[in-house]
Amino acid sequence: NNLKPEDTAVYSCAAKIYGLGYYFAWGQGTQVTV
């Protein structure tokens, strides 16, 4: 909400196992332009 121009970026989601420090799976990303 209340998006700003500085929010413009490629947004990606990622997954990791609970208790571990790294994300092992990533999506391709979706472009957000404000």
PDB file of all heavy atoms in Angstrom:
ATOM      1  N   ASN A   1       0.830  -1.195   0.000  1.00  0.00           N
ATOM      2  CA  ASN A   1       0.000   0.000   0.000  1.00  0.00           C
ATOM      3  C   ASN A   1       0.866   1.247   0.000  1.00  0.00           C
ATOM      4  O   ASN A   1       2.034   1.209   0.389  1.00  0.00           O
ATOM      5  CB  ASN A   1      -0.916   0.012   1.221  1.00  0.00           C
ATOM      6  CG  ASN A   1      -1.899  -1.128   1.245  1.00  0.00           C
ATOM      7  OD1 ASN A   1      -2.382  -1.575   0.200  1.00  0.00           O
ATOM      8  ND2 ASN A   1      -2.218  -1.614   2.441  1.00  0.00           N
ATOM      9  N   ASN A   2       0.270   2.358  -0.410  1.00  0.00           N
ATOM     10  CA  ASN A   2       0.968   3.635  -0.453  1.00  0.00           C
ATOM     11  C   ASN A   2       2.324   3.498  -1.140  1.00  0.00           C
ATOM     12  O   ASN A   2       3.363   3.907  -0.614  1.00  0.00           O
ATOM     13  CB  ASN A   2       1.135   4.196   0.957  1.00  0.00           C
ATOM     14  CG  ASN A   2       1.605   5.638   0.966  1.00  0.00           C
ATOM     15  OD1 ASN A   2       1.396   6.379   0.008  1.00  0.00           O
ATOM     16  ND2 ASN A   2       2.255   6.038   2.058  1.00  0.00           N
ATOM     17  N   LEU A   3       2.307   2.937  -2.320  1.00  0.00           N
ATOM     18  CA  LEU A   3       3.547   2.682  -3.044  1.00  0.00           C
ATOM     19  C   LEU A   3       4.249   3.979  -3.423  1.00  0.00           C
ATOM     20  O   LEU A   3       3.609   4.991  -3.713  1.00  0.00           O
ATOM     21  CB  LEU A   3       3.265   1.854  -4.284  1.00  0.00           C
ATOM     22  CG  LEU A   3       3.018   0.371  -4.004  1.00  0.00           C
ATOM     23  CD1 LEU A   3       2.319  -0.292  -5.177  1.00  0.00           C
ATOM     24  CD2 LEU A   3       4.345  -0.328  -3.701  1.00  0.00           C
ATOM     25  N   LYS A   4       5.575   3.910  -3.423  1.00  0.00           N
ATOM     26  CA  LYS A   4       6.426   5.037  -3.746  1.00  0.00           C
ATOM     27  C   LYS A   4       7.321   4.685  -4.926  1.00  0.00           C
ATOM     28  O   LYS A   4       7.602   3.503  -5.157  1.00  0.00           O
ATOM     29  CB  LYS A   4       7.294   5.413  -2.540  1.00  0.00           C
ATOM     30  CG  LYS A   4       6.508   5.717  -1.280  1.00  0.00           C
ATOM     31  CD  LYS A   4       7.429   5.968  -0.096  1.00  0.00           C
ATOM     32  CE  LYS A   4       6.639   6.269   1.159  1.00  0.00           C
ATOM     33  NZ  LYS A   4       7.537   6.510   2.326  1.00  0.00           N
ATOM     34  N   PRO A   5       7.790   5.677  -5.673  1.00  0.00           N
ATOM     35  CA  PRO A   5       8.687   5.375  -6.797  1.00  0.00           C
ATOM     36  C   PRO A   5       9.898   4.545  -6.392  1.00  0.00           C
ATOM     37  O   PRO A   5      10.360   3.716  -7.183  1.00  0.00           O
ATOM     38  CB  PRO A   5       9.091   6.761  -7.294  1.00  0.00           C
ATOM     39  CG  PRO A   5       7.927   7.627  -6.960  1.00  0.00           C
ATOM     40  CD  PRO A   5       7.433   7.109  -5.636  1.00  0.00           C
ATOM     41  N   GLU A   6      10.416   4.741  -5.194  1.00  0.00           N
ATOM     42  CA  GLU A   6      11.570   3.984  -4.741  1.00  0.00           C
ATOM     43  C   GLU A   6      11.263   2.515  -4.466  1.00  0.00           C
ATOM     44  O   GLU A   6      12.174   1.731  -4.198  1.00  0.00           O
ATOM     45  CB  GLU A   6      12.202   4.624  -3.495  1.00  0.00           C
ATOM     46  CG  GLU A   6      11.206   4.940  -2.395  1.00  0.00           C
ATOM     47  CD  GLU A   6      10.743   6.384  -2.421  1.00  0.00           C
ATOM     48  OE1 GLU A   6      10.446   6.901  -3.524  1.00  0.00           O
ATOM     49  OE2 GLU A   6      10.680   7.015  -1.342  1.00  0.00           O
ATOM     50  N   ASP A   7       9.990   2.130  -4.521  1.00  0.00           N
ATOM     51  CA  ASP A   7       9.619   0.725  -4.409  1.00  0.00           C
ATOM     52  C   ASP A   7       9.788  -0.022  -5.729  1.00  0.00           C
ATOM     53  O   ASP A   7       9.637  -1.248  -5.760  1.00  0.00           O
ATOM     54  CB  ASP A   7       8.170   0.585  -3.938  1.00  0.00           C
ATOM     55  CG  ASP A   7       7.953   1.098  -2.526  1.00  0.00           C
ATOM     56  OD1 ASP A   7       8.822   0.866  -1.663  1.00  0.00           O
ATOM     57  OD2 ASP A   7       6.901   1.731  -2.285  1.00  0.00           O
ATOM     58  N   THR A   8      10.069   0.693  -6.799  1.00  0.00           N
ATOM     59  CA  THR A   8      10.238   0.067  -8.102  1.00  0.00           C
ATOM     60  C   THR A   8      11.382  -0.944  -8.062  1.00  0.00           C
ATOM     61  O   THR A   8      12.508  -0.611  -7.691  1.00  0.00           O
ATOM     62  CB  THR A   8      10.508   1.121  -9.173  1.00  0.00           C
ATOM     63  OG1 THR A   8       9.370   1.970  -9.308  1.00  0.00           O
ATOM     64  CG2 THR A   8      10.800   0.473 -10.521  1.00  0.00           C
ATOM     65  N   ALA A   9      11.094  -2.184  -8.448  1.00  0.00           N
ATOM     66  CA  ALA A   9      12.081  -3.252  -8.391  1.00  0.00           C
ATOM     67  C   ALA A   9      11.461  -4.530  -8.928  1.00  0.00           C
ATOM     68  O   ALA A   9      10.251  -4.601  -9.166  1.00  0.00           O
ATOM     69  CB  ALA A   9      12.560  -3.477  -6.953  1.00  0.00           C
ATOM     70  N   VAL A  10      12.299  -5.536  -9.111  1.00  0.00           N
ATOM     71  CA  VAL A  10      11.825  -6.885  -9.361  1.00  0.00           C
ATOM     72  C   VAL A  10      11.659  -7.569  -8.012  1.00  0.00           C
ATOM     73  O   VAL A  10      12.603  -7.639  -7.221  1.00  0.00           O
ATOM     74  CB  VAL A  10      12.798  -7.678 -10.251  1.00  0.00           C
ATOM     75  CG1 VAL A  10      12.340  -9.132 -10.378  1.00  0.00           C
ATOM     76  CG2 VAL A  10      12.897  -7.042 -11.628  1.00  0.00           C
ATOM     77  N   TYR A  11      10.470  -8.065  -7.759  1.00  0.00           N
ATOM     78  CA  TYR A  11      10.163  -8.709  -6.489  1.00  0.00           C
ATOM     79  C   TYR A  11      10.141 -10.222  -6.663  1.00  0.00           C
ATOM     80  O   TYR A  11       9.498 -10.744  -7.578  1.00  0.00           O
ATOM     81  CB  TYR A  11       8.810  -8.230  -5.959  1.00  0.00           C
ATOM     82  CG  TYR A  11       8.845  -6.834  -5.396  1.00  0.00           C
ATOM     83  CD1 TYR A  11       8.963  -5.732  -6.232  1.00  0.00           C
ATOM     84  CD2 TYR A  11       8.771  -6.613  -4.022  1.00  0.00           C
ATOM     85  CE1 TYR A  11       9.017  -4.447  -5.723  1.00  0.00           C
ATOM     86  CE2 TYR A  11       8.814  -5.338  -3.496  1.00  0.00           C
ATOM     87  CZ  TYR A  11       8.936  -4.251  -4.351  1.00  0.00           C
ATOM     88  OH  TYR A  11       8.978  -2.976  -3.837  1.00  0.00           O
ATOM     89  N   SER A  12      10.831 -10.925  -5.770  1.00  0.00           N
ATOM     90  CA  SER A  12      10.918 -12.373  -5.824  1.00  0.00           C
ATOM     91  C   SER A  12      10.547 -12.972  -4.482  1.00  0.00           C
ATOM     92  O   SER A  12      10.819 -12.385  -3.436  1.00  0.00           O
ATOM     93  CB  SER A  12      12.338 -12.822  -6.194  1.00  0.00           C
ATOM     94  OG  SER A  12      12.750 -12.290  -7.435  1.00  0.00           O
ATOM     95  N   CYS A  13       9.929 -14.129  -4.513  1.00  0.00           N
ATOM     96  CA  CYS A  13       9.673 -14.864  -3.287  1.00  0.00           C
ATOM     97  C   CYS A  13      10.686 -15.993  -3.155  1.00  0.00           C
ATOM     98  O   CYS A  13      11.263 -16.452  -4.142  1.00  0.00           O
ATOM     99  CB  CYS A  13       8.239 -15.406  -3.232  1.00  0.00           C
ATOM    100  SG  CYS A  13       7.814 -16.585  -4.527  1.00  0.00           S
ATOM    101  N   ALA A  14      10.899 -16.421  -1.923  1.00  0.00           N
ATOM    102  CA  ALA A  14      11.884 -17.452  -1.656  1.00  0.00           C
ATOM    103  C   ALA A  14      11.458 -18.269  -0.452  1.00  0.00           C
ATOM    104  O   ALA A  14      10.686 -17.809   0.389  1.00  0.00           O
ATOM    105  CB  ALA A  14      13.266 -16.831  -1.422  1.00  0.00           C
ATOM    106  N   ALA A  15      11.989 -19.477  -0.375  1.00  0.00           N
ATOM    107  CA  ALA A  15      11.641 -20.403   0.697  1.00  0.00           C
ATOM    108  C   ALA A  15      12.894 -20.960   1.349  1.00  0.00           C
ATOM    109  O   ALA A  15      13.925 -21.142   0.692  1.00  0.00           O
ATOM    110  CB  ALA A  15      10.789 -21.552   0.155  1.00  0.00           C
ATOM    111  N   LYS A  16      12.782 -21.228   2.643  1.00  0.00           N
ATOM    112  CA  LYS A  16      13.867 -21.886   3.352  1.00  0.00           C
ATOM    113  C   LYS A  16      13.305 -22.776   4.444  1.00  0.00           C
ATOM    114  O   LYS A  16      12.166 -22.598   4.883  1.00  0.00           O
ATOM    115  CB  LYS A  16      14.857 -20.873   3.940  1.00  0.00           C
ATOM    116  CG  LYS A  16      14.338 -20.054   5.111  1.00  0.00           C
ATOM    117  CD  LYS A  16      15.428 -19.117   5.618  1.00  0.00           C
ATOM    118  CE  LYS A  16      14.967 -18.299   6.822  1.00  0.00           C
ATOM    119  NZ  LYS A  16      14.868 -19.162   8.036  1.00  0.00           N
ATOM    120  N   ILE A  17      14.103 -23.725   4.873  1.00  0.00           N
ATOM    121  CA  ILE A  17      13.715 -24.605   5.964  1.00  0.00           C
ATOM    122  C   ILE A  17      13.788 -23.841   7.271  1.00  0.00           C
ATOM    123  O   ILE A  17      14.734 -23.091   7.523  1.00  0.00           O
ATOM    124  CB  ILE A  17      14.629 -25.842   6.028  1.00  0.00           C
ATOM    125  CG1 ILE A  17      14.566 -26.624   4.715  1.00  0.00           C
ATOM    126  CG2 ILE A  17      14.252 -26.737   7.202  1.00  0.00           C
ATOM    127  CD1 ILE A  17      13.208 -27.191   4.415  1.00  0.00           C
ATOM    128  N   TYR A  18      12.770 -24.043   8.092  1.00  0.00           N
ATOM    129  CA  TYR A  18      12.767 -23.398   9.394  1.00  0.00           C
ATOM    130  C   TYR A  18      14.026 -23.755  10.165  1.00  0.00           C
ATOM    131  O   TYR A  18      14.412 -24.918  10.251  1.00  0.00           O
ATOM    132  CB  TYR A  18      11.528 -23.816  10.189  1.00  0.00           C
ATOM    133  CG  TYR A  18      11.513 -23.300  11.604  1.00  0.00           C
ATOM    134  CD1 TYR A  18      11.224 -21.969  11.871  1.00  0.00           C
ATOM    135  CD2 TYR A  18      11.790 -24.147  12.677  1.00  0.00           C
ATOM    136  CE1 TYR A  18      11.209 -21.485  13.170  1.00  0.00           C
ATOM    137  CE2 TYR A  18      11.781 -23.672  13.976  1.00  0.00           C
ATOM    138  CZ  TYR A  18      11.490 -22.334  14.220  1.00  0.00           C
ATOM    139  OH  TYR A  18      11.477 -21.871  15.519  1.00  0.00           O
ATOM    140  N   GLY A  19      14.673 -22.741  10.728  1.00  0.00           N
ATOM    141  CA  GLY A  19      15.861 -22.952  11.524  1.00  0.00           C
ATOM    142  C   GLY A  19      17.166 -22.887  10.763  1.00  0.00           C
ATOM    143  O   GLY A  19      18.231 -22.895  11.387  1.00  0.00           O
ATOM    144  N   LEU A  20      17.121 -22.823   9.434  1.00  0.00           N
ATOM    145  CA  LEU A  20      18.314 -22.706   8.610  1.00  0.00           C
ATOM    146  C   LEU A  20      18.458 -21.285   8.098  1.00  0.00           C
ATOM    147  O   LEU A  20      17.474 -20.554   7.971  1.00  0.00           O
ATOM    148  CB  LEU A  20      18.266 -23.687   7.439  1.00  0.00           C
ATOM    149  CG  LEU A  20      18.220 -25.168   7.802  1.00  0.00           C
ATOM    150  CD1 LEU A  20      18.207 -26.021   6.548  1.00  0.00           C
ATOM    151  CD2 LEU A  20      19.399 -25.547   8.693  1.00  0.00           C
ATOM    152  N   GLY A  21      19.702 -20.906   7.787  1.00  0.00           N
ATOM    153  CA  GLY A  21      19.995 -19.524   7.495  1.00  0.00           C
ATOM    154  C   GLY A  21      19.954 -19.090   6.043  1.00  0.00           C
ATOM    155  O   GLY A  21      20.209 -17.919   5.766  1.00  0.00           O
ATOM    156  N   TYR A  22      19.647 -19.978   5.118  1.00  0.00           N
ATOM    157  CA  TYR A  22      19.650 -19.613   3.715  1.00  0.00           C
ATOM    158  C   TYR A  22      18.368 -20.043   3.026  1.00  0.00           C
ATOM    159  O   TYR A  22      17.720 -21.013   3.422  1.00  0.00           O
ATOM    160  CB  TYR A  22      20.859 -20.215   2.995  1.00  0.00           C
ATOM    161  CG  TYR A  22      20.832 -21.724   2.891  1.00  0.00           C
ATOM    162  CD1 TYR A  22      20.307 -22.345   1.768  1.00  0.00           C
ATOM    163  CD2 TYR A  22      21.345 -22.515   3.905  1.00  0.00           C
ATOM    164  CE1 TYR A  22      20.278 -23.719   1.661  1.00  0.00           C
ATOM    165  CE2 TYR A  22      21.319 -23.895   3.805  1.00  0.00           C
ATOM    166  CZ  TYR A  22      20.782 -24.489   2.680  1.00  0.00           C
ATOM    167  OH  TYR A  22      20.760 -25.859   2.582  1.00  0.00           O
ATOM    168  N   TYR A  23      18.014 -19.298   1.978  1.00  0.00           N
ATOM    169  CA  TYR A  23      16.861 -19.623   1.144  1.00  0.00           C
ATOM    170  C   TYR A  23      17.315 -20.517  -0.003  1.00  0.00           C
ATOM    171  O   TYR A  23      18.238 -20.169  -0.743  1.00  0.00           O
ATOM    172  CB  TYR A  23      16.214 -18.350   0.612  1.00  0.00           C
ATOM    173  CG  TYR A  23      15.478 -17.566   1.668  1.00  0.00           C
ATOM    174  CD1 TYR A  23      16.146 -16.667   2.488  1.00  0.00           C
ATOM    175  CD2 TYR A  23      14.111 -17.734   1.858  1.00  0.00           C
ATOM    176  CE1 TYR A  23      15.471 -15.960   3.469  1.00  0.00           C
ATOM    177  CE2 TYR A  23      13.429 -17.030   2.828  1.00  0.00           C
ATOM    178  CZ  TYR A  23      14.112 -16.148   3.642  1.00  0.00           C
ATOM    179  OH  TYR A  23      13.437 -15.437   4.614  1.00  0.00           O
ATOM    180  N   PHE A  24      16.668 -21.652  -0.165  1.00  0.00           N
ATOM    181  CA  PHE A  24      17.094 -22.655  -1.132  1.00  0.00           C
ATOM    182  C   PHE A  24      16.268 -22.665  -2.407  1.00  0.00           C
ATOM    183  O   PHE A  24      16.682 -23.282  -3.395  1.00  0.00           O
ATOM    184  CB  PHE A  24      17.063 -24.052  -0.505  1.00  0.00           C
ATOM    185  CG  PHE A  24      15.682 -24.543  -0.177  1.00  0.00           C
ATOM    186  CD1 PHE A  24      14.944 -25.260  -1.101  1.00  0.00           C
ATOM    187  CD2 PHE A  24      15.128 -24.298   1.067  1.00  0.00           C
ATOM    188  CE1 PHE A  24      13.669 -25.723  -0.797  1.00  0.00           C
ATOM    189  CE2 PHE A  24      13.855 -24.756   1.386  1.00  0.00           C
ATOM    190  CZ  PHE A  24      13.127 -25.465   0.455  1.00  0.00           C
ATOM    191  N   ALA A  25      15.106 -22.027  -2.418  1.00  0.00           N
ATOM    192  CA  ALA A  25      14.245 -22.012  -3.591  1.00  0.00           C
ATOM    193  C   ALA A  25      13.803 -20.590  -3.873  1.00  0.00           C
ATOM    194  O   ALA A  25      13.434 -19.852  -2.953  1.00  0.00           O
ATOM    195  CB  ALA A  25      13.028 -22.916  -3.389  1.00  0.00           C
ATOM    196  N   TRP A  26      13.822 -20.231  -5.150  1.00  0.00           N
ATOM    197  CA  TRP A  26      13.503 -18.871  -5.578  1.00  0.00           C
ATOM    198  C   TRP A  26      12.561 -18.877  -6.769  1.00  0.00           C
ATOM    199  O   TRP A  26      12.642 -19.761  -7.628  1.00  0.00           O
ATOM    200  CB  TRP A  26      14.771 -18.103  -5.969  1.00  0.00           C
ATOM    201  CG  TRP A  26      15.714 -17.872  -4.833  1.00  0.00           C
ATOM    202  CD1 TRP A  26      16.612 -18.755  -4.310  1.00  0.00           C
ATOM    203  CD2 TRP A  26      15.852 -16.664  -4.079  1.00  0.00           C
ATOM    204  NE1 TRP A  26      17.298 -18.172  -3.270  1.00  0.00           N
ATOM    205  CE2 TRP A  26      16.856 -16.899  -3.110  1.00  0.00           C
ATOM    206  CE3 TRP A  26      15.228 -15.422  -4.128  1.00  0.00           C
ATOM    207  CZ2 TRP A  26      17.240 -15.924  -2.195  1.00  0.00           C
ATOM    208  CZ3 TRP A  26      15.609 -14.450  -3.224  1.00  0.00           C
ATOM    209  CH2 TRP A  26      16.605 -14.698  -2.275  1.00  0.00           C
ATOM    210  N   GLY A  27      11.694 -17.883  -6.826  1.00  0.00           N
ATOM    211  CA  GLY A  27      10.876 -17.682  -8.003  1.00  0.00           C
ATOM    212  C   GLY A  27      11.601 -16.850  -9.040  1.00  0.00           C
ATOM    213  O   GLY A  27      12.707 -16.354  -8.816  1.00  0.00           O
ATOM    214  N   GLN A  28      10.973 -16.683 -10.196  1.00  0.00           N
ATOM    215  CA  GLN A  28      11.568 -15.928 -11.298  1.00  0.00           C
ATOM    216  C   GLN A  28      11.496 -14.418 -11.088  1.00  0.00           C
ATOM    217  O   GLN A  28      12.299 -13.681 -11.651  1.00  0.00           O
ATOM    218  CB  GLN A  28      10.877 -16.286 -12.615  1.00  0.00           C
ATOM    219  CG  GLN A  28      11.155 -17.702 -13.094  1.00  0.00           C
ATOM    220  CD  GLN A  28      12.528 -17.838 -13.692  1.00  0.00           C
ATOM    221  OE1 GLN A  28      12.836 -17.197 -14.708  1.00  0.00           O
ATOM    222  NE2 GLN A  28      13.370 -18.661 -13.079  1.00  0.00           N
ATOM    223  N   GLY A  29      10.549 -13.954 -10.303  1.00  0.00           N
ATOM    224  CA  GLY A  29      10.405 -12.542 -10.033  1.00  0.00           C
ATOM    225  C   GLY A  29       9.296 -11.901 -10.846  1.00  0.00           C
ATOM    226  O   GLY A  29       8.950 -12.362 -11.929  1.00  0.00           O
ATOM    227  N   THR A  30       8.751 -10.818 -10.315  1.00  0.00           N
ATOM    228  CA  THR A  30       7.727 -10.040 -11.001  1.00  0.00           C
ATOM    229  C   THR A  30       8.054  -8.558 -10.868  1.00  0.00           C
ATOM    230  O   THR A  30       8.451  -8.092  -9.800  1.00  0.00           O
ATOM    231  CB  THR A  30       6.321 -10.361 -10.443  1.00  0.00           C
ATOM    232  OG1 THR A  30       5.327  -9.673 -11.202  1.00  0.00           O
ATOM    233  CG2 THR A  30       6.202  -9.979  -8.972  1.00  0.00           C
ATOM    234  N   GLN A  31       7.917  -7.833 -11.962  1.00  0.00           N
ATOM    235  CA  GLN A  31       8.305  -6.425 -12.000  1.00  0.00           C
ATOM    236  C   GLN A  31       7.224  -5.547 -11.393  1.00  0.00           C
ATOM    237  O   GLN A  31       6.046  -5.649 -11.747  1.00  0.00           O
ATOM    238  CB  GLN A  31       8.576  -5.982 -13.441  1.00  0.00           C
ATOM    239  CG  GLN A  31       8.910  -4.495 -13.592  1.00  0.00           C
ATOM    240  CD  GLN A  31      10.261  -4.142 -13.031  1.00  0.00           C
ATOM    241  OE1 GLN A  31      11.250  -4.837 -13.299  1.00  0.00           O
ATOM    242  NE2 GLN A  31      10.322  -3.063 -12.251  1.00  0.00           N
ATOM    243  N   VAL A  32       7.636  -4.665 -10.493  1.00  0.00           N
ATOM    244  CA  VAL A  32       6.765  -3.642  -9.928  1.00  0.00           C
ATOM    245  C   VAL A  32       7.348  -2.287 -10.293  1.00  0.00           C
ATOM    246  O   VAL A  32       8.509  -2.000  -9.981  1.00  0.00           O
ATOM    247  CB  VAL A  32       6.642  -3.764  -8.402  1.00  0.00           C
ATOM    248  CG1 VAL A  32       5.893  -2.567  -7.816  1.00  0.00           C
ATOM    249  CG2 VAL A  32       5.940  -5.059  -8.033  1.00  0.00           C
ATOM    250  N   THR A  33       6.558  -1.460 -10.961  1.00  0.00           N
ATOM    251  CA  THR A  33       6.992  -0.134 -11.354  1.00  0.00           C
ATOM    252  C   THR A  33       6.011   0.892 -10.808  1.00  0.00           C
ATOM    253  O   THR A  33       4.810   0.809 -11.074  1.00  0.00           O
ATOM    254  CB  THR A  33       7.079  -0.001 -12.881  1.00  0.00           C
ATOM    255  OG1 THR A  33       7.973  -0.989 -13.404  1.00  0.00           O
ATOM    256  CG2 THR A  33       7.577   1.383 -13.269  1.00  0.00           C
ATOM    257  N   VAL A  34       6.528   1.854 -10.054  1.00  0.00           N
ATOM    258  CA  VAL A  34       5.707   2.893  -9.441  1.00  0.00           C
ATOM    259  C   VAL A  34       6.085   4.227 -10.063  1.00  0.00           C
ATOM    260  O   VAL A  34       7.232   4.666  -9.960  1.00  0.00           O
ATOM    261  CB  VAL A  34       5.897   2.941  -7.921  1.00  0.00           C
ATOM    262  CG1 VAL A  34       4.950   3.971  -7.305  1.00  0.00           C
ATOM    263  CG2 VAL A  34       5.659   1.565  -7.311  1.00  0.00           C
TER     264      VAL A  34
END
